[in-house]
Amino acid sequence: MERFFAELALFLPAVWFNIYFAAASIPIGFGMAILLALGKNSRNALLSRLCRGYIYAFRGSPLFIQFFMFYSLALSLNISVWKPWGISWLVLHPLFIGPVVLTLNTAAYTAEIFYGALRAVPRGAVEAARAFGMSRWQQFRSVVWPSLIRLAWPAYTNEVVFLFHATAIVYFALPVIGQQKDLMITAKELFERDYNVFLHFSVAALYFLAVSLMVFFVFDLVYRRLMRHMPNQPKLRFAPKWMR
């Protein structure tokens, strides 16, 4: 038991890298997803096809391959672009390119969630707002967006958890610099010392589980706030469902 608690303390600095990758990706990815969902739903055929193509490309290819592709592209431009500008230390750094790729990836998945919710917004409410004389921006702000975010929030919560889990592959695809080691790299290095797979990877999994439960808890509070007008407030389900 003493070794187990020592292991927990040893992994504590590593989990902050995983949290950083997720926290740095979520806000920008959220904003991009809104624009992509609106673009996909646009009447402009070119804009709609571009957004559909972006979403399809990132949802249809493995995240691991995306890391390799973007890092290889950044590396190929190092001598001609990044070095003359003096920013190669930033562009090629995992703490920069990791959140960039995660942002582009989660934006595609979140955009598909938002697009589905956008299509599910009651048309009658939009027509009523139009009849009331609201502008398109007022319709979106007062009618479309509140309905959209309420419909999409449970699925978006799962996407945020999946994104946090996806941070486990960042340092498998990108170079490890110095002591910047996340949970999986730390578990891998400790495993190579004593081959105790159950201890090291179980502790890493425990940290992933703990952070995931925190995400569920916080997002459940937000969901209750969004649904506060309902008589019986629904809750996000994050307990395992053993039987159908």
C-alpha atoms as a PDB file:
ATOM      1  CA  MET A   1       0.000   0.000   0.000  1.00  0.00           C
ATOM      2  CA  GLU A   2       2.890   2.337   0.761  1.00  0.00           C
ATOM      3  CA  ARG A   3       4.273   1.753  -2.716  1.00  0.00           C
ATOM      4  CA  PHE A   4       0.868   2.461  -4.222  1.00  0.00           C
ATOM      5  CA  PHE A   5       0.644   5.885  -2.549  1.00  0.00           C
ATOM      6  CA  ALA A   6       4.226   6.595  -3.583  1.00  0.00           C
ATOM      7  CA  GLU A   7       3.195   5.761  -7.138  1.00  0.00           C
ATOM      8  CA  LEU A   8       0.260   8.164  -6.922  1.00  0.00           C
ATOM      9  CA  ALA A   9       2.608  10.961  -5.863  1.00  0.00           C
ATOM     10  CA  LEU A  10       5.011  10.054  -8.665  1.00  0.00           C
ATOM     11  CA  PHE A  11       2.282  10.336 -11.308  1.00  0.00           C
ATOM     12  CA  LEU A  12       0.852  13.597  -9.993  1.00  0.00           C
ATOM     13  CA  PRO A  13       3.119  15.946 -12.044  1.00  0.00           C
ATOM     14  CA  ALA A  14       2.410  13.886 -15.172  1.00  0.00           C
ATOM     15  CA  VAL A  15      -1.376  14.257 -15.051  1.00  0.00           C
ATOM     16  CA  TRP A  16      -1.065  18.023 -15.382  1.00  0.00           C
ATOM     17  CA  PHE A  17       0.281  17.595 -18.916  1.00  0.00           C
ATOM     18  CA  ASN A  18      -2.816  15.618 -19.906  1.00  0.00           C
ATOM     19  CA  ILE A  19      -5.056  18.208 -18.278  1.00  0.00           C
ATOM     20  CA  TYR A  20      -3.154  20.992 -20.056  1.00  0.00           C
ATOM     21  CA  PHE A  21      -3.583  19.393 -23.478  1.00  0.00           C
ATOM     22  CA  ALA A  22      -7.332  19.022 -22.947  1.00  0.00           C
ATOM     23  CA  ALA A  23      -7.862  22.433 -21.332  1.00  0.00           C
ATOM     24  CA  ALA A  24      -5.908  24.205 -24.079  1.00  0.00           C
ATOM     25  CA  SER A  25      -7.915  22.489 -26.821  1.00  0.00           C
ATOM     26  CA  ILE A  26     -11.487  22.693 -25.556  1.00  0.00           C
ATOM     27  CA  PRO A  27     -12.230  26.475 -25.696  1.00  0.00           C
ATOM     28  CA  ILE A  28     -10.906  27.088 -29.224  1.00  0.00           C
ATOM     29  CA  GLY A  29     -12.338  23.803 -30.469  1.00  0.00           C
ATOM     30  CA  PHE A  30     -15.720  24.786 -29.044  1.00  0.00           C
ATOM     31  CA  GLY A  31     -15.721  28.088 -30.922  1.00  0.00           C
ATOM     32  CA  MET A  32     -14.546  26.467 -34.154  1.00  0.00           C
ATOM     33  CA  ALA A  33     -17.258  23.815 -33.840  1.00  0.00           C
ATOM     34  CA  ILE A  34     -20.003  26.449 -33.684  1.00  0.00           C
ATOM     35  CA  LEU A  35     -18.727  28.075 -36.883  1.00  0.00           C
ATOM     36  CA  LEU A  36     -18.343  24.712 -38.619  1.00  0.00           C
ATOM     37  CA  ALA A  37     -21.840  23.605 -37.644  1.00  0.00           C
ATOM     38  CA  LEU A  38     -23.346  26.860 -38.900  1.00  0.00           C
ATOM     39  CA  GLY A  39     -21.257  26.620 -42.050  1.00  0.00           C
ATOM     40  CA  LYS A  40     -22.371  23.055 -42.696  1.00  0.00           C
ATOM     41  CA  ASN A  41     -25.983  24.164 -42.285  1.00  0.00           C
ATOM     42  CA  SER A  42     -25.454  27.199 -44.513  1.00  0.00           C
ATOM     43  CA  ARG A  43     -27.390  27.688 -47.733  1.00  0.00           C
ATOM     44  CA  ASN A  44     -24.130  28.636 -49.419  1.00  0.00           C
ATOM     45  CA  ALA A  45     -23.183  25.424 -51.241  1.00  0.00           C
ATOM     46  CA  LEU A  46     -19.438  26.147 -51.302  1.00  0.00           C
ATOM     47  CA  LEU A  47     -19.251  27.013 -47.600  1.00  0.00           C
ATOM     48  CA  SER A  48     -21.368  24.000 -46.681  1.00  0.00           C
ATOM     49  CA  ARG A  49     -19.196  21.627 -48.710  1.00  0.00           C
ATOM     50  CA  LEU A  50     -15.979  23.040 -47.261  1.00  0.00           C
ATOM     51  CA  CYS A  51     -17.250  22.549 -43.714  1.00  0.00           C
ATOM     52  CA  ARG A  52     -18.547  19.077 -44.531  1.00  0.00           C
ATOM     53  CA  GLY A  53     -15.185  18.175 -46.047  1.00  0.00           C
ATOM     54  CA  TYR A  54     -13.295  19.407 -42.989  1.00  0.00           C
ATOM     55  CA  ILE A  55     -15.543  17.466 -40.620  1.00  0.00           C
ATOM     56  CA  TYR A  56     -15.352  14.326 -42.736  1.00  0.00           C
ATOM     57  CA  ALA A  57     -11.549  14.506 -43.033  1.00  0.00           C
ATOM     58  CA  PHE A  58     -10.895  14.826 -39.310  1.00  0.00           C
ATOM     59  CA  ARG A  59     -13.600  12.397 -38.215  1.00  0.00           C
ATOM     60  CA  GLY A  60     -12.604   9.884 -40.863  1.00  0.00           C
ATOM     61  CA  SER A  61      -8.889   9.671 -40.071  1.00  0.00           C
ATOM     62  CA  PRO A  62      -7.160   8.405 -36.897  1.00  0.00           C
ATOM     63  CA  LEU A  63      -5.952  11.044 -34.465  1.00  0.00           C
ATOM     64  CA  PHE A  64      -2.586   9.287 -34.262  1.00  0.00           C
ATOM     65  CA  ILE A  65      -2.074   9.797 -38.021  1.00  0.00           C
ATOM     66  CA  GLN A  66      -3.116  13.437 -37.724  1.00  0.00           C
ATOM     67  CA  PHE A  67      -0.371  14.035 -35.166  1.00  0.00           C
ATOM     68  CA  PHE A  68       2.205  12.508 -37.510  1.00  0.00           C
ATOM     69  CA  MET A  69       0.963  14.494 -40.510  1.00  0.00           C
ATOM     70  CA  PHE A  70       0.924  17.880 -38.789  1.00  0.00           C
ATOM     71  CA  TYR A  71       4.256  17.351 -37.071  1.00  0.00           C
ATOM     72  CA  SER A  72       5.852  16.216 -40.358  1.00  0.00           C
ATOM     73  CA  LEU A  73       4.403  19.263 -42.123  1.00  0.00           C
ATOM     74  CA  ALA A  74       5.700  21.608 -39.409  1.00  0.00           C
ATOM     75  CA  LEU A  75       9.102  19.909 -39.542  1.00  0.00           C
ATOM     76  CA  SER A  76       9.311  20.240 -43.327  1.00  0.00           C
ATOM     77  CA  LEU A  77       8.705  24.006 -43.060  1.00  0.00           C
ATOM     78  CA  ASN A  78      11.250  24.478 -40.288  1.00  0.00           C
ATOM     79  CA  ILE A  79      14.222  25.623 -42.383  1.00  0.00           C
ATOM     80  CA  SER A  80      12.272  27.746 -44.867  1.00  0.00           C
ATOM     81  CA  VAL A  81       9.669  29.328 -42.575  1.00  0.00           C
ATOM     82  CA  TRP A  82       9.968  28.815 -38.829  1.00  0.00           C
ATOM     83  CA  LYS A  83      13.738  29.373 -38.421  1.00  0.00           C
ATOM     84  CA  PRO A  84      13.844  32.674 -40.376  1.00  0.00           C
ATOM     85  CA  TRP A  85      10.959  33.907 -38.229  1.00  0.00           C
ATOM     86  CA  GLY A  86      12.629  32.629 -35.067  1.00  0.00           C
ATOM     87  CA  ILE A  87       9.621  30.612 -33.903  1.00  0.00           C
ATOM     88  CA  SER A  88      10.786  27.057 -34.557  1.00  0.00           C
ATOM     89  CA  TRP A  89      11.134  26.534 -30.794  1.00  0.00           C
ATOM     90  CA  LEU A  90       7.403  27.210 -30.474  1.00  0.00           C
ATOM     91  CA  VAL A  91       5.897  25.580 -33.560  1.00  0.00           C
ATOM     92  CA  LEU A  92       7.747  22.279 -33.121  1.00  0.00           C
ATOM     93  CA  HIS A  93       7.177  22.082 -29.379  1.00  0.00           C
ATOM     94  CA  PRO A  94       4.735  19.361 -28.226  1.00  0.00           C
ATOM     95  CA  LEU A  95       3.083  21.798 -25.819  1.00  0.00           C
ATOM     96  CA  PHE A  96       2.092  23.862 -28.877  1.00  0.00           C
ATOM     97  CA  ILE A  97       1.467  21.399 -31.678  1.00  0.00           C
ATOM     98  CA  GLY A  98      -0.302  18.944 -29.353  1.00  0.00           C
ATOM     99  CA  PRO A  99      -3.175  21.327 -28.488  1.00  0.00           C
ATOM    100  CA  VAL A 100      -3.310  22.503 -32.123  1.00  0.00           C
ATOM    101  CA  VAL A 101      -3.999  19.002 -33.465  1.00  0.00           C
ATOM    102  CA  LEU A 102      -6.383  18.190 -30.622  1.00  0.00           C
ATOM    103  CA  THR A 103      -8.249  21.433 -31.273  1.00  0.00           C
ATOM    104  CA  LEU A 104      -8.676  20.693 -34.975  1.00  0.00           C
ATOM    105  CA  ASN A 105      -9.823  17.166 -34.170  1.00  0.00           C
ATOM    106  CA  THR A 106     -12.320  17.982 -31.440  1.00  0.00           C
ATOM    107  CA  ALA A 107     -13.713  20.861 -33.509  1.00  0.00           C
ATOM    108  CA  ALA A 108     -14.783  18.367 -36.175  1.00  0.00           C
ATOM    109  CA  TYR A 109     -16.447  15.961 -33.740  1.00  0.00           C
ATOM    110  CA  THR A 110     -18.105  18.761 -31.772  1.00  0.00           C
ATOM    111  CA  ALA A 111     -19.304  20.419 -34.982  1.00  0.00           C
ATOM    112  CA  GLU A 112     -21.116  17.227 -35.942  1.00  0.00           C
ATOM    113  CA  ILE A 113     -22.773  17.160 -32.506  1.00  0.00           C
ATOM    114  CA  PHE A 114     -23.804  20.809 -32.818  1.00  0.00           C
ATOM    115  CA  TYR A 115     -25.031  20.294 -36.366  1.00  0.00           C
ATOM    116  CA  GLY A 116     -27.303  17.464 -35.247  1.00  0.00           C
ATOM    117  CA  ALA A 117     -28.627  19.608 -32.411  1.00  0.00           C
ATOM    118  CA  LEU A 118     -29.085  22.539 -34.793  1.00  0.00           C
ATOM    119  CA  ARG A 119     -31.217  20.397 -37.075  1.00  0.00           C
ATOM    120  CA  ALA A 120     -33.290  19.331 -34.063  1.00  0.00           C
ATOM    121  CA  VAL A 121     -34.161  22.863 -32.956  1.00  0.00           C
ATOM    122  CA  PRO A 122     -37.966  23.241 -33.270  1.00  0.00           C
ATOM    123  CA  ARG A 123     -38.775  25.061 -36.501  1.00  0.00           C
ATOM    124  CA  GLY A 124     -41.883  26.513 -34.919  1.00  0.00           C
ATOM    125  CA  ALA A 125     -39.830  28.447 -32.386  1.00  0.00           C
ATOM    126  CA  VAL A 126     -37.645  29.912 -35.128  1.00  0.00           C
ATOM    127  CA  GLU A 127     -40.676  30.867 -37.209  1.00  0.00           C
ATOM    128  CA  ALA A 128     -42.256  32.509 -34.165  1.00  0.00           C
ATOM    129  CA  ALA A 129     -39.105  34.549 -33.573  1.00  0.00           C
ATOM    130  CA  ARG A 130     -39.083  35.560 -37.247  1.00  0.00           C
ATOM    131  CA  ALA A 131     -42.740  36.565 -37.054  1.00  0.00           C
ATOM    132  CA  PHE A 132     -41.955  38.612 -33.940  1.00  0.00           C
ATOM    133  CA  GLY A 133     -39.554  40.677 -36.062  1.00  0.00           C
ATOM    134  CA  MET A 134     -36.259  39.413 -34.692  1.00  0.00           C
ATOM    135  CA  SER A 135     -33.129  39.722 -36.804  1.00  0.00           C
ATOM    136  CA  ARG A 136     -31.209  36.576 -37.704  1.00  0.00           C
ATOM    137  CA  TRP A 137     -28.669  37.301 -34.967  1.00  0.00           C
ATOM    138  CA  GLN A 138     -31.444  37.788 -32.418  1.00  0.00           C
ATOM    139  CA  GLN A 139     -33.065  34.541 -33.546  1.00  0.00           C
ATOM    140  CA  PHE A 140     -29.800  32.688 -33.088  1.00  0.00           C
ATOM    141  CA  ARG A 141     -28.980  34.281 -29.720  1.00  0.00           C
ATOM    142  CA  SER A 142     -32.436  34.019 -28.154  1.00  0.00           C
ATOM    143  CA  VAL A 143     -33.976  30.943 -29.752  1.00  0.00           C
ATOM    144  CA  VAL A 144     -31.581  28.731 -31.705  1.00  0.00           C
ATOM    145  CA  TRP A 145     -28.527  28.774 -29.438  1.00  0.00           C
ATOM    146  CA  PRO A 146     -30.314  28.014 -26.124  1.00  0.00           C
ATOM    147  CA  SER A 147     -32.119  25.061 -27.687  1.00  0.00           C
ATOM    148  CA  LEU A 148     -29.000  23.875 -29.503  1.00  0.00           C
ATOM    149  CA  ILE A 149     -26.739  23.860 -26.462  1.00  0.00           C
ATOM    150  CA  ARG A 150     -29.319  22.097 -24.288  1.00  0.00           C
ATOM    151  CA  LEU A 151     -29.738  19.354 -26.875  1.00  0.00           C
ATOM    152  CA  ALA A 152     -26.021  18.993 -27.537  1.00  0.00           C
ATOM    153  CA  TRP A 153     -24.641  19.232 -23.997  1.00  0.00           C
ATOM    154  CA  PRO A 154     -24.840  15.531 -22.969  1.00  0.00           C
ATOM    155  CA  ALA A 155     -23.127  14.404 -26.178  1.00  0.00           C
ATOM    156  CA  TYR A 156     -20.595  17.237 -25.915  1.00  0.00           C
ATOM    157  CA  THR A 157     -19.757  16.111 -22.380  1.00  0.00           C
ATOM    158  CA  ASN A 158     -18.794  12.712 -23.767  1.00  0.00           C
ATOM    159  CA  GLU A 159     -16.668  14.395 -26.428  1.00  0.00           C
ATOM    160  CA  VAL A 160     -14.750  16.332 -23.771  1.00  0.00           C
ATOM    161  CA  VAL A 161     -14.053  13.113 -21.867  1.00  0.00           C
ATOM    162  CA  PHE A 162     -12.961  11.383 -25.078  1.00  0.00           C
ATOM    163  CA  LEU A 163     -10.678  14.324 -25.819  1.00  0.00           C
ATOM    164  CA  PHE A 164      -9.055  14.010 -22.403  1.00  0.00           C
ATOM    165  CA  HIS A 165      -8.510  10.306 -23.027  1.00  0.00           C
ATOM    166  CA  ALA A 166      -7.001  11.139 -26.428  1.00  0.00           C
ATOM    167  CA  THR A 167      -4.253  13.143 -24.728  1.00  0.00           C
ATOM    168  CA  ALA A 168      -2.702   9.778 -23.864  1.00  0.00           C
ATOM    169  CA  ILE A 169      -1.303   9.495 -27.395  1.00  0.00           C
ATOM    170  CA  VAL A 170       0.218  12.971 -27.699  1.00  0.00           C
ATOM    171  CA  TYR A 171       3.696  11.982 -26.545  1.00  0.00           C
ATOM    172  CA  PHE A 172       3.506   8.689 -28.405  1.00  0.00           C
ATOM    173  CA  ALA A 173       3.280  10.649 -31.672  1.00  0.00           C
ATOM    174  CA  LEU A 174       5.385  13.690 -30.722  1.00  0.00           C
ATOM    175  CA  PRO A 175       8.891  13.874 -29.245  1.00  0.00           C
ATOM    176  CA  VAL A 176       9.296  13.952 -25.476  1.00  0.00           C
ATOM    177  CA  ILE A 177      11.307  17.002 -24.399  1.00  0.00           C
ATOM    178  CA  GLY A 178      13.093  16.893 -21.070  1.00  0.00           C
ATOM    179  CA  GLN A 179      10.895  15.965 -18.154  1.00  0.00           C
ATOM    180  CA  GLN A 180       7.652  16.769 -19.989  1.00  0.00           C
ATOM    181  CA  LYS A 181       6.089  13.343 -19.530  1.00  0.00           C
ATOM    182  CA  ASP A 182       2.382  12.674 -19.367  1.00  0.00           C
ATOM    183  CA  LEU A 183       0.664   9.764 -17.650  1.00  0.00           C
ATOM    184  CA  MET A 184       1.264   7.190 -20.375  1.00  0.00           C
ATOM    185  CA  ILE A 185       4.933   8.021 -20.925  1.00  0.00           C
ATOM    186  CA  THR A 186       5.524   7.943 -17.173  1.00  0.00           C
ATOM    187  CA  ALA A 187       3.771   4.573 -16.889  1.00  0.00           C
ATOM    188  CA  LYS A 188       5.726   3.248 -19.892  1.00  0.00           C
ATOM    189  CA  GLU A 189       9.106   4.272 -18.447  1.00  0.00           C
ATOM    190  CA  LEU A 190       8.321   2.808 -15.034  1.00  0.00           C
ATOM    191  CA  PHE A 191       7.105  -0.392 -16.661  1.00  0.00           C
ATOM    192  CA  GLU A 192      10.395  -0.740 -18.543  1.00  0.00           C
ATOM    193  CA  ARG A 193      12.233  -0.693 -15.195  1.00  0.00           C
ATOM    194  CA  ASP A 194      10.439  -3.462 -13.323  1.00  0.00           C
ATOM    195  CA  TYR A 195       7.777  -4.790 -15.759  1.00  0.00           C
ATOM    196  CA  ASN A 196       5.056  -4.259 -13.158  1.00  0.00           C
ATOM    197  CA  VAL A 197       2.324  -3.569 -15.678  1.00  0.00           C
ATOM    198  CA  PHE A 198      -0.565  -3.812 -13.232  1.00  0.00           C
ATOM    199  CA  LEU A 199       0.765  -1.206 -10.801  1.00  0.00           C
ATOM    200  CA  HIS A 200       1.970   1.489 -13.191  1.00  0.00           C
ATOM    201  CA  PHE A 201      -0.799   1.390 -15.760  1.00  0.00           C
ATOM    202  CA  SER A 202      -3.461   0.944 -13.080  1.00  0.00           C
ATOM    203  CA  VAL A 203      -2.325   4.156 -11.421  1.00  0.00           C
ATOM    204  CA  ALA A 204      -2.390   5.942 -14.788  1.00  0.00           C
ATOM    205  CA  ALA A 205      -5.895   4.594 -15.413  1.00  0.00           C
ATOM    206  CA  LEU A 206      -6.957   5.741 -11.950  1.00  0.00           C
ATOM    207  CA  TYR A 207      -5.895   9.299 -12.745  1.00  0.00           C
ATOM    208  CA  PHE A 208      -7.779   9.198 -16.045  1.00  0.00           C
ATOM    209  CA  LEU A 209     -10.840   7.919 -14.207  1.00  0.00           C
ATOM    210  CA  ALA A 210     -10.616  10.576 -11.494  1.00  0.00           C
ATOM    211  CA  VAL A 211     -10.319  13.461 -13.978  1.00  0.00           C
ATOM    212  CA  SER A 212     -13.134  12.008 -16.102  1.00  0.00           C
ATOM    213  CA  LEU A 213     -15.419  11.906 -13.066  1.00  0.00           C
ATOM    214  CA  MET A 214     -14.553  15.532 -12.318  1.00  0.00           C
ATOM    215  CA  VAL A 215     -15.454  16.483 -15.883  1.00  0.00           C
ATOM    216  CA  PHE A 216     -18.782  14.672 -15.588  1.00  0.00           C
ATOM    217  CA  PHE A 217     -19.485  16.409 -12.284  1.00  0.00           C
ATOM    218  CA  VAL A 218     -18.720  19.918 -13.573  1.00  0.00           C
ATOM    219  CA  PHE A 219     -20.591  19.408 -16.830  1.00  0.00           C
ATOM    220  CA  ASP A 220     -23.556  18.009 -14.928  1.00  0.00           C
ATOM    221  CA  LEU A 221     -23.722  21.243 -12.918  1.00  0.00           C
ATOM    222  CA  VAL A 222     -23.692  23.216 -16.155  1.00  0.00           C
ATOM    223  CA  TYR A 223     -26.408  20.981 -17.608  1.00  0.00           C
ATOM    224  CA  ARG A 224     -28.603  21.518 -14.568  1.00  0.00           C
ATOM    225  CA  ARG A 225     -28.127  25.244 -15.031  1.00  0.00           C
ATOM    226  CA  LEU A 226     -29.129  24.977 -18.686  1.00  0.00           C
ATOM    227  CA  MET A 227     -32.231  22.961 -17.781  1.00  0.00           C
ATOM    228  CA  ARG A 228     -33.209  24.974 -14.704  1.00  0.00           C
ATOM    229  CA  HIS A 229     -36.538  25.938 -16.307  1.00  0.00           C
ATOM    230  CA  MET A 230     -37.664  22.307 -16.331  1.00  0.00           C
ATOM    231  CA  PRO A 231     -39.809  21.123 -13.386  1.00  0.00           C
ATOM    232  CA  ASN A 232     -37.820  17.912 -12.948  1.00  0.00           C
ATOM    233  CA  GLN A 233     -34.256  18.775 -13.814  1.00  0.00           C
ATOM    234  CA  PRO A 234     -32.578  15.977 -15.806  1.00  0.00           C
ATOM    235  CA  LYS A 235     -29.105  14.876 -14.808  1.00  0.00           C
ATOM    236  CA  LEU A 236     -26.200  13.616 -16.840  1.00  0.00           C
ATOM    237  CA  ARG A 237     -25.743   9.902 -16.351  1.00  0.00           C
ATOM    238  CA  PHE A 238     -22.171   8.954 -15.612  1.00  0.00           C
ATOM    239  CA  ALA A 239     -22.763   5.801 -13.547  1.00  0.00           C
ATOM    240  CA  PRO A 240     -22.294   2.487 -15.370  1.00  0.00           C
ATOM    241  CA  LYS A 241     -25.413   0.919 -16.787  1.00  0.00           C
ATOM    242  CA  TRP A 242     -25.132  -2.789 -16.023  1.00  0.00           C
ATOM    243  CA  MET A 243     -28.398  -3.895 -17.617  1.00  0.00           C
ATOM    244  CA  ARG A 244     -30.390  -2.585 -20.541  1.00  0.00           C
END
